[in-house]
Every structure is written in structure tokens, then in C-alpha cells.
Amino acid sequence: METLRVSGKSRPNAVAGAIAALLRTKGEVEVQAIGPAAVNQAVKAIAIARGYIQPENLDLTTQPSFVKLELEDEERTAVRFAITVVKTA
């Protein structure tokens, strides 16, 4: 599964485009964010991505969870959003 890392400075529209493209091609994507600003941008991107794929009779589901990452010899906790595509009628 492809993993997108979102920062507090990420542009939600750009991240949403990447999410939508990966959902169309692979059917799933993972988004990781560390910190409140990054989680905010990730949630906005997921909402925007949903709007991008709805005209194609697609929708998405997401399962948030926590994951521990090792960054620069330091353990950090990230929020992970596992996103999958769902076909609608």
C-alpha cells in the first residue's frame, strides 16, 4: 500500500489529488500525519478527495489508527488513515 506523508504545510488540494489518483489506480492508500497541523491538513485532503472521486460513482472509507515511527533516532506517534475505495451505484 502506498503511503503519503502529510505535514502541517502540505496543500490539501494537492494531497487530495494524490489520494484520488491512488484510489483510482490501486484502490487503497495510507496517509500518515504527525502533529495537530498535519492531521488537520490530512483530514481536509481526505474530504476533498472524496469530492474528486464521487462523480465517478466511487466513495471512500477510512480507518484511523496510531502508529509509532522511528524518525531521527526518536520515536514519534503518527495518525495513520487507511483509505479504501468503495463503488457506489
PDB file of N, CA and C in Angstrom:
ATOM      1  N   MET A   1       0.848  -1.172   0.000  1.00  0.00           N
ATOM      2  CA  MET A   1       0.000   0.000   0.000  1.00  0.00           C
ATOM      3  C   MET A   1       0.896   1.238   0.000  1.00  0.00           C
ATOM      4  N   GLU A   2       0.557   2.161  -0.850  1.00  0.00           N
ATOM      5  CA  GLU A   2       1.306   3.423  -0.965  1.00  0.00           C
ATOM      6  C   GLU A   2       1.057   4.281   0.278  1.00  0.00           C
ATOM      7  N   THR A   3       2.102   4.921   0.785  1.00  0.00           N
ATOM      8  CA  THR A   3       1.980   5.780   1.966  1.00  0.00           C
ATOM      9  C   THR A   3       2.306   7.218   1.599  1.00  0.00           C
ATOM     10  N   LEU A   4       1.379   8.108   1.902  1.00  0.00           N
ATOM     11  CA  LEU A   4       1.590   9.536   1.715  1.00  0.00           C
ATOM     12  C   LEU A   4       1.829  10.153   3.082  1.00  0.00           C
ATOM     13  N   ARG A   5       2.869  10.961   3.198  1.00  0.00           N
ATOM     14  CA  ARG A   5       3.143  11.647   4.457  1.00  0.00           C
ATOM     15  C   ARG A   5       2.718  13.101   4.306  1.00  0.00           C
ATOM     16  N   VAL A   6       1.911  13.544   5.245  1.00  0.00           N
ATOM     17  CA  VAL A   6       1.363  14.894   5.198  1.00  0.00           C
ATOM     18  C   VAL A   6       1.985  15.718   6.322  1.00  0.00           C
ATOM     19  N   SER A   7       2.382  16.938   6.001  1.00  0.00           N
ATOM     20  CA  SER A   7       2.910  17.851   7.018  1.00  0.00           C
ATOM     21  C   SER A   7       1.895  18.969   7.241  1.00  0.00           C
ATOM     22  N   GLY A   8       2.160  19.786   8.226  1.00  0.00           N
ATOM     23  CA  GLY A   8       1.286  20.917   8.508  1.00  0.00           C
ATOM     24  C   GLY A   8       1.292  21.956   7.403  1.00  0.00           C
ATOM     25  N   LYS A   9       2.310  21.898   6.527  1.00  0.00           N
ATOM     26  CA  LYS A   9       2.413  22.851   5.419  1.00  0.00           C
ATOM     27  C   LYS A   9       1.953  22.259   4.088  1.00  0.00           C
ATOM     28  N   SER A  10       1.497  21.003   4.099  1.00  0.00           N
ATOM     29  CA  SER A  10       1.010  20.374   2.868  1.00  0.00           C
ATOM     30  C   SER A  10      -0.243  21.084   2.381  1.00  0.00           C
ATOM     31  N   ARG A  11      -0.371  21.192   1.068  1.00  0.00           N
ATOM     32  CA  ARG A  11      -1.569  21.795   0.477  1.00  0.00           C
ATOM     33  C   ARG A  11      -2.651  20.721   0.351  1.00  0.00           C
ATOM     34  N   PRO A  12      -3.794  20.884   1.009  1.00  0.00           N
ATOM     35  CA  PRO A  12      -4.831  19.852   0.991  1.00  0.00           C
ATOM     36  C   PRO A  12      -5.292  19.463  -0.414  1.00  0.00           C
ATOM     37  N   ASN A  13      -5.395  20.429  -1.330  1.00  0.00           N
ATOM     38  CA  ASN A  13      -5.837  20.098  -2.697  1.00  0.00           C
ATOM     39  C   ASN A  13      -4.829  19.201  -3.404  1.00  0.00           C
ATOM     40  N   ALA A  14      -3.548  19.445  -3.194  1.00  0.00           N
ATOM     41  CA  ALA A  14      -2.517  18.618  -3.823  1.00  0.00           C
ATOM     42  C   ALA A  14      -2.526  17.209  -3.235  1.00  0.00           C
ATOM     43  N   VAL A  15      -2.647  17.113  -1.917  1.00  0.00           N
ATOM     44  CA  VAL A  15      -2.710  15.796  -1.273  1.00  0.00           C
ATOM     45  C   VAL A  15      -3.973  15.060  -1.719  1.00  0.00           C
ATOM     46  N   ALA A  16      -5.085  15.786  -1.821  1.00  0.00           N
ATOM     47  CA  ALA A  16      -6.345  15.178  -2.261  1.00  0.00           C
ATOM     48  C   ALA A  16      -6.218  14.606  -3.663  1.00  0.00           C
ATOM     49  N   GLY A  17      -5.535  15.316  -4.547  1.00  0.00           N
ATOM     50  CA  GLY A  17      -5.319  14.803  -5.906  1.00  0.00           C
ATOM     51  C   GLY A  17      -4.519  13.518  -5.898  1.00  0.00           C
ATOM     52  N   ALA A  18      -3.507  13.458  -5.043  1.00  0.00           N
ATOM     53  CA  ALA A  18      -2.695  12.234  -4.937  1.00  0.00           C
ATOM     54  C   ALA A  18      -3.521  11.091  -4.360  1.00  0.00           C
ATOM     55  N   ILE A  19      -4.327  11.382  -3.346  1.00  0.00           N
ATOM     56  CA  ILE A  19      -5.189  10.344  -2.764  1.00  0.00           C
ATOM     57  C   ILE A  19      -6.157   9.817  -3.808  1.00  0.00           C
ATOM     58  N   ALA A  20      -6.830  10.720  -4.525  1.00  0.00           N
ATOM     59  CA  ALA A  20      -7.810  10.316  -5.538  1.00  0.00           C
ATOM     60  C   ALA A  20      -7.155   9.482  -6.633  1.00  0.00           C
ATOM     61  N   ALA A  21      -5.978   9.885  -7.081  1.00  0.00           N
ATOM     62  CA  ALA A  21      -5.280   9.139  -8.139  1.00  0.00           C
ATOM     63  C   ALA A  21      -4.924   7.733  -7.669  1.00  0.00           C
ATOM     64  N   LEU A  22      -4.427   7.610  -6.445  1.00  0.00           N
ATOM     65  CA  LEU A  22      -4.067   6.284  -5.940  1.00  0.00           C
ATOM     66  C   LEU A  22      -5.299   5.423  -5.694  1.00  0.00           C
ATOM     67  N   LEU A  23      -6.395   6.026  -5.264  1.00  0.00           N
ATOM     68  CA  LEU A  23      -7.623   5.249  -5.090  1.00  0.00           C
ATOM     69  C   LEU A  23      -8.132   4.730  -6.429  1.00  0.00           C
ATOM     70  N   ARG A  24      -8.034   5.547  -7.461  1.00  0.00           N
ATOM     71  CA  ARG A  24      -8.476   5.107  -8.790  1.00  0.00           C
ATOM     72  C   ARG A  24      -7.612   3.965  -9.322  1.00  0.00           C
ATOM     73  N   THR A  25      -6.304   4.052  -9.129  1.00  0.00           N
ATOM     74  CA  THR A  25      -5.399   3.067  -9.721  1.00  0.00           C
ATOM     75  C   THR A  25      -5.167   1.843  -8.842  1.00  0.00           C
ATOM     76  N   LYS A  26      -5.013   2.049  -7.537  1.00  0.00           N
ATOM     77  CA  LYS A  26      -4.670   0.928  -6.642  1.00  0.00           C
ATOM     78  C   LYS A  26      -5.811   0.526  -5.723  1.00  0.00           C
ATOM     79  N   GLY A  27      -6.801   1.398  -5.544  1.00  0.00           N
ATOM     80  CA  GLY A  27      -7.936   1.073  -4.699  1.00  0.00           C
ATOM     81  C   GLY A  27      -7.716   1.306  -3.218  1.00  0.00           C
ATOM     82  N   GLU A  28      -6.485   1.691  -2.840  1.00  0.00           N
ATOM     83  CA  GLU A  28      -6.196   1.950  -1.433  1.00  0.00           C
ATOM     84  C   GLU A  28      -4.981   2.852  -1.311  1.00  0.00           C
ATOM     85  N   VAL A  29      -4.908   3.546  -0.198  1.00  0.00           N
ATOM     86  CA  VAL A  29      -3.775   4.422   0.094  1.00  0.00           C
ATOM     87  C   VAL A  29      -3.720   4.635   1.603  1.00  0.00           C
ATOM     88  N   GLU A  30      -2.547   4.905   2.095  1.00  0.00           N
ATOM     89  CA  GLU A  30      -2.356   5.197   3.517  1.00  0.00           C
ATOM     90  C   GLU A  30      -1.815   6.612   3.639  1.00  0.00           C
ATOM     91  N   VAL A  31      -2.375   7.376   4.566  1.00  0.00           N
ATOM     92  CA  VAL A  31      -1.928   8.741   4.815  1.00  0.00           C
ATOM     93  C   VAL A  31      -1.435   8.805   6.257  1.00  0.00           C
ATOM     94  N   GLN A  32      -0.235   9.344   6.459  1.00  0.00           N
ATOM     95  CA  GLN A  32       0.330   9.481   7.800  1.00  0.00           C
ATOM     96  C   GLN A  32       0.572  10.949   8.108  1.00  0.00           C
ATOM     97  N   ALA A  33       0.277  11.335   9.348  1.00  0.00           N
ATOM     98  CA  ALA A  33       0.463  12.717   9.768  1.00  0.00           C
ATOM     99  C   ALA A  33       0.952  12.746  11.213  1.00  0.00           C
ATOM    100  N   ILE A  34       1.929  13.601  11.487  1.00  0.00           N
ATOM    101  CA  ILE A  34       2.450  13.780  12.843  1.00  0.00           C
ATOM    102  C   ILE A  34       2.182  15.215  13.265  1.00  0.00           C
ATOM    103  N   GLY A  35       1.443  15.373  14.342  1.00  0.00           N
ATOM    104  CA  GLY A  35       1.151  16.700  14.877  1.00  0.00           C
ATOM    105  C   GLY A  35      -0.221  17.197  14.464  1.00  0.00           C
ATOM    106  N   PRO A  36      -0.767  18.113  15.261  1.00  0.00           N
ATOM    107  CA  PRO A  36      -2.128  18.573  15.004  1.00  0.00           C
ATOM    108  C   PRO A  36      -2.314  19.299  13.673  1.00  0.00           C
ATOM    109  N   ALA A  37      -1.357  20.104  13.261  1.00  0.00           N
ATOM    110  CA  ALA A  37      -1.492  20.817  11.984  1.00  0.00           C
ATOM    111  C   ALA A  37      -1.481  19.826  10.819  1.00  0.00           C
ATOM    112  N   ALA A  38      -0.642  18.813  10.890  1.00  0.00           N
ATOM    113  CA  ALA A  38      -0.567  17.815   9.827  1.00  0.00           C
ATOM    114  C   ALA A  38      -1.842  16.972   9.771  1.00  0.00           C
ATOM    115  N   VAL A  39      -2.372  16.610  10.938  1.00  0.00           N
ATOM    116  CA  VAL A  39      -3.626  15.836  10.972  1.00  0.00           C
ATOM    117  C   VAL A  39      -4.757  16.668  10.382  1.00  0.00           C
ATOM    118  N   ASN A  40      -4.787  17.953  10.690  1.00  0.00           N
ATOM    119  CA  ASN A  40      -5.800  18.848  10.129  1.00  0.00           C
ATOM    120  C   ASN A  40      -5.724  18.870   8.602  1.00  0.00           C
ATOM    121  N   GLN A  41      -4.529  19.016   8.058  1.00  0.00           N
ATOM    122  CA  GLN A  41      -4.365  19.044   6.604  1.00  0.00           C
ATOM    123  C   GLN A  41      -4.757  17.697   5.990  1.00  0.00           C
ATOM    124  N   ALA A  42      -4.430  16.605   6.653  1.00  0.00           N
ATOM    125  CA  ALA A  42      -4.760  15.273   6.140  1.00  0.00           C
ATOM    126  C   ALA A  42      -6.273  15.067   6.089  1.00  0.00           C
ATOM    127  N   VAL A  43      -6.969  15.468   7.146  1.00  0.00           N
ATOM    128  CA  VAL A  43      -8.427  15.300   7.181  1.00  0.00           C
ATOM    129  C   VAL A  43      -9.082  16.148   6.091  1.00  0.00           C
ATOM    130  N   LYS A  44      -8.615  17.377   5.907  1.00  0.00           N
ATOM    131  CA  LYS A  44      -9.156  18.218   4.829  1.00  0.00           C
ATOM    132  C   LYS A  44      -8.909  17.564   3.476  1.00  0.00           C
ATOM    133  N   ALA A  45      -7.716  17.010   3.266  1.00  0.00           N
ATOM    134  CA  ALA A  45      -7.381  16.372   1.993  1.00  0.00           C
ATOM    135  C   ALA A  45      -8.281  15.168   1.727  1.00  0.00           C
ATOM    136  N   ILE A  46      -8.571  14.386   2.753  1.00  0.00           N
ATOM    137  CA  ILE A  46      -9.442  13.211   2.581  1.00  0.00           C
ATOM    138  C   ILE A  46     -10.839  13.655   2.179  1.00  0.00           C
ATOM    139  N   ALA A  47     -11.346  14.701   2.813  1.00  0.00           N
ATOM    140  CA  ALA A  47     -12.674  15.212   2.466  1.00  0.00           C
ATOM    141  C   ALA A  47     -12.712  15.729   1.027  1.00  0.00           C
ATOM    142  N   ILE A  48     -11.672  16.439   0.618  1.00  0.00           N
ATOM    143  CA  ILE A  48     -11.608  16.958  -0.754  1.00  0.00           C
ATOM    144  C   ILE A  48     -11.494  15.811  -1.746  1.00  0.00           C
ATOM    145  N   ALA A  49     -10.678  14.802  -1.432  1.00  0.00           N
ATOM    146  CA  ALA A  49     -10.511  13.642  -2.322  1.00  0.00           C
ATOM    147  C   ALA A  49     -11.839  12.933  -2.542  1.00  0.00           C
ATOM    148  N   ARG A  50     -12.644  12.861  -1.507  1.00  0.00           N
ATOM    149  CA  ARG A  50     -13.963  12.233  -1.641  1.00  0.00           C
ATOM    150  C   ARG A  50     -14.790  12.946  -2.698  1.00  0.00           C
ATOM    151  N   GLY A  51     -14.734  14.263  -2.693  1.00  0.00           N
ATOM    152  CA  GLY A  51     -15.440  15.038  -3.716  1.00  0.00           C
ATOM    153  C   GLY A  51     -14.886  14.809  -5.111  1.00  0.00           C
ATOM    154  N   TYR A  52     -13.580  14.559  -5.218  1.00  0.00           N
ATOM    155  CA  TYR A  52     -12.968  14.301  -6.522  1.00  0.00           C
ATOM    156  C   TYR A  52     -13.431  12.988  -7.139  1.00  0.00           C
ATOM    157  N   ILE A  53     -13.662  11.966  -6.319  1.00  0.00           N
ATOM    158  CA  ILE A  53     -13.989  10.642  -6.882  1.00  0.00           C
ATOM    159  C   ILE A  53     -15.486  10.365  -6.967  1.00  0.00           C
ATOM    160  N   GLN A  54     -16.307  11.139  -6.281  1.00  0.00           N
ATOM    161  CA  GLN A  54     -17.751  10.888  -6.290  1.00  0.00           C
ATOM    162  C   GLN A  54     -18.388  10.957  -7.674  1.00  0.00           C
ATOM    163  N   PRO A  55     -18.000  11.856  -8.584  1.00  0.00           N
ATOM    164  CA  PRO A  55     -18.606  11.862  -9.916  1.00  0.00           C
ATOM    165  C   PRO A  55     -18.361  10.573 -10.711  1.00  0.00           C
ATOM    166  N   GLU A  56     -17.394   9.775 -10.290  1.00  0.00           N
ATOM    167  CA  GLU A  56     -17.080   8.504 -10.961  1.00  0.00           C
ATOM    168  C   GLU A  56     -17.761   7.321 -10.276  1.00  0.00           C
ATOM    169  N   ASN A  57     -18.799   7.612  -9.469  1.00  0.00           N
ATOM    170  CA  ASN A  57     -19.509   6.587  -8.700  1.00  0.00           C
ATOM    171  C   ASN A  57     -18.580   5.822  -7.770  1.00  0.00           C
ATOM    172  N   LEU A  58     -17.645   6.542  -7.182  1.00  0.00           N
ATOM    173  CA  LEU A  58     -16.736   5.973  -6.195  1.00  0.00           C
ATOM    174  C   LEU A  58     -16.893   6.741  -4.891  1.00  0.00           C
ATOM    175  N   ASP A  59     -16.640   6.068  -3.802  1.00  0.00           N
ATOM    176  CA  ASP A  59     -16.611   6.708  -2.494  1.00  0.00           C
ATOM    177  C   ASP A  59     -15.425   6.123  -1.737  1.00  0.00           C
ATOM    178  N   LEU A  60     -15.159   6.612  -0.557  1.00  0.00           N
ATOM    179  CA  LEU A  60     -14.033   6.092   0.204  1.00  0.00           C
ATOM    180  C   LEU A  60     -14.440   5.819   1.637  1.00  0.00           C
ATOM    181  N   THR A  61     -13.703   4.914   2.247  1.00  0.00           N
ATOM    182  CA  THR A  61     -13.823   4.677   3.677  1.00  0.00           C
ATOM    183  C   THR A  61     -12.429   4.848   4.263  1.00  0.00           C
ATOM    184  N   THR A  62     -12.377   5.250   5.510  1.00  0.00           N
ATOM    185  CA  THR A  62     -11.080   5.412   6.154  1.00  0.00           C
ATOM    186  C   THR A  62     -11.126   4.856   7.569  1.00  0.00           C
ATOM    187  N   GLN A  63     -10.013   4.279   7.964  1.00  0.00           N
ATOM    188  CA  GLN A  63      -9.860   3.763   9.320  1.00  0.00           C
ATOM    189  C   GLN A  63      -8.651   4.444   9.946  1.00  0.00           C
ATOM    190  N   PRO A  64      -8.876   5.340  10.887  1.00  0.00           N
ATOM    191  CA  PRO A  64      -7.743   5.996  11.545  1.00  0.00           C
ATOM    192  C   PRO A  64      -7.153   5.098  12.632  1.00  0.00           C
ATOM    193  N   SER A  65      -5.861   5.215  12.821  1.00  0.00           N
ATOM    194  CA  SER A  65      -5.176   4.475  13.887  1.00  0.00           C
ATOM    195  C   SER A  65      -3.894   5.220  14.226  1.00  0.00           C
ATOM    196  N   PHE A  66      -3.258   4.795  15.307  1.00  0.00           N
ATOM    197  CA  PHE A  66      -1.977   5.361  15.690  1.00  0.00           C
ATOM    198  C   PHE A  66      -0.875   4.400  15.273  1.00  0.00           C
ATOM    199  N   VAL A  67       0.265   4.951  14.906  1.00  0.00           N
ATOM    200  CA  VAL A  67       1.423   4.146  14.547  1.00  0.00           C
ATOM    201  C   VAL A  67       2.663   4.826  15.118  1.00  0.00           C
ATOM    202  N   LYS A  68       3.571   4.022  15.633  1.00  0.00           N
ATOM    203  CA  LYS A  68       4.827   4.566  16.164  1.00  0.00           C
ATOM    204  C   LYS A  68       5.876   4.508  15.058  1.00  0.00           C
ATOM    205  N   LEU A  69       6.539   5.639  14.829  1.00  0.00           N
ATOM    206  CA  LEU A  69       7.562   5.747  13.793  1.00  0.00           C
ATOM    207  C   LEU A  69       8.894   6.105  14.419  1.00  0.00           C
ATOM    208  N   GLU A  70       9.976   5.643  13.828  1.00  0.00           N
ATOM    209  CA  GLU A  70      11.324   5.980  14.272  1.00  0.00           C
ATOM    210  C   GLU A  70      11.854   7.049  13.319  1.00  0.00           C
ATOM    211  N   LEU A  71      11.955   8.293  13.807  1.00  0.00           N
ATOM    212  CA  LEU A  71      12.434   9.408  12.998  1.00  0.00           C
ATOM    213  C   LEU A  71      13.630  10.045  13.681  1.00  0.00           C
ATOM    214  N   GLU A  72      14.762  10.063  12.986  1.00  0.00           N
ATOM    215  CA  GLU A  72      15.985  10.682  13.507  1.00  0.00           C
ATOM    216  C   GLU A  72      16.310  10.167  14.907  1.00  0.00           C
ATOM    217  N   ASP A  73      16.313   8.843  15.068  1.00  0.00           N
ATOM    218  CA  ASP A  73      16.615   8.181  16.344  1.00  0.00           C
ATOM    219  C   ASP A  73      15.664   8.585  17.465  1.00  0.00           C
ATOM    220  N   GLU A  74      14.448   8.947  17.101  1.00  0.00           N
ATOM    221  CA  GLU A  74      13.444   9.346  18.078  1.00  0.00           C
ATOM    222  C   GLU A  74      12.126   8.673  17.714  1.00  0.00           C
ATOM    223  N   GLU A  75      11.425   8.137  18.701  1.00  0.00           N
ATOM    224  CA  GLU A  75      10.137   7.517  18.436  1.00  0.00           C
ATOM    225  C   GLU A  75       9.047   8.583  18.449  1.00  0.00           C
ATOM    226  N   ARG A  76       8.248   8.616  17.389  1.00  0.00           N
ATOM    227  CA  ARG A  76       7.150   9.581  17.258  1.00  0.00           C
ATOM    228  C   ARG A  76       5.864   8.812  17.007  1.00  0.00           C
ATOM    229  N   THR A  77       4.749   9.371  17.425  1.00  0.00           N
ATOM    230  CA  THR A  77       3.445   8.762  17.170  1.00  0.00           C
ATOM    231  C   THR A  77       2.765   9.544  16.060  1.00  0.00           C
ATOM    232  N   ALA A  78       2.315   8.818  15.049  1.00  0.00           N
ATOM    233  CA  ALA A  78       1.615   9.431  13.924  1.00  0.00           C
ATOM    234  C   ALA A  78       0.178   8.924  13.888  1.00  0.00           C
ATOM    235  N   VAL A  79      -0.683   9.692  13.260  1.00  0.00           N
ATOM    236  CA  VAL A  79      -2.032   9.227  12.974  1.00  0.00           C
ATOM    237  C   VAL A  79      -1.995   8.665  11.559  1.00  0.00           C
ATOM    238  N   ARG A  80      -2.467   7.437  11.414  1.00  0.00           N
ATOM    239  CA  ARG A  80      -2.496   6.779  10.106  1.00  0.00           C
ATOM    240  C   ARG A  80      -3.951   6.649   9.669  1.00  0.00           C
ATOM    241  N   PHE A  81      -4.210   7.034   8.436  1.00  0.00           N
ATOM    242  CA  PHE A  81      -5.529   6.877   7.834  1.00  0.00           C
ATOM    243  C   PHE A  81      -5.402   5.845   6.722  1.00  0.00           C
ATOM    244  N   ALA A  82      -5.973   4.664   6.933  1.00  0.00           N
ATOM    245  CA  ALA A  82      -6.012   3.642   5.886  1.00  0.00           C
ATOM    246  C   ALA A  82      -7.269   3.904   5.072  1.00  0.00           C
ATOM    247  N   ILE A  83      -7.107   4.241   3.801  1.00  0.00           N
ATOM    248  CA  ILE A  83      -8.237   4.661   2.956  1.00  0.00           C
ATOM    249  C   ILE A  83      -8.433   3.628   1.845  1.00  0.00           C
ATOM    250  N   THR A  84      -9.681   3.201   1.670  1.00  0.00           N
ATOM    251  CA  THR A  84     -10.008   2.278   0.577  1.00  0.00           C
ATOM    252  C   THR A  84     -11.163   2.847  -0.231  1.00  0.00           C
ATOM    253  N   VAL A  85     -11.198   2.461  -1.489  1.00  0.00           N
ATOM    254  CA  VAL A  85     -12.244   2.931  -2.385  1.00  0.00           C
ATOM    255  C   VAL A  85     -13.445   1.979  -2.322  1.00  0.00           C
ATOM    256  N   VAL A  86     -14.639   2.540  -2.489  1.00  0.00           N
ATOM    257  CA  VAL A  86     -15.885   1.775  -2.500  1.00  0.00           C
ATOM    258  C   VAL A  86     -16.667   2.210  -3.720  1.00  0.00           C
ATOM    259  N   LYS A  87     -17.154   1.252  -4.491  1.00  0.00           N
ATOM    260  CA  LYS A  87     -18.000   1.592  -5.658  1.00  0.00           C
ATOM    261  C   LYS A  87     -19.423   1.821  -5.197  1.00  0.00           C
ATOM    262  N   THR A  88     -20.030   2.881  -5.718  1.00  0.00           N
ATOM    263  CA  THR A  88     -21.430   3.196  -5.394  1.00  0.00           C
ATOM    264  C   THR A  88     -22.279   2.923  -6.614  1.00  0.00           C
ATOM    265  N   ALA A  89     -23.582   2.823  -6.402  1.00  0.00           N
ATOM    266  CA  ALA A  89     -24.493   2.516  -7.511  1.00  0.00           C
ATOM    267  C   ALA A  89     -24.755   3.711  -8.386  1.00  0.00           C
TER     268      ALA A  89
END
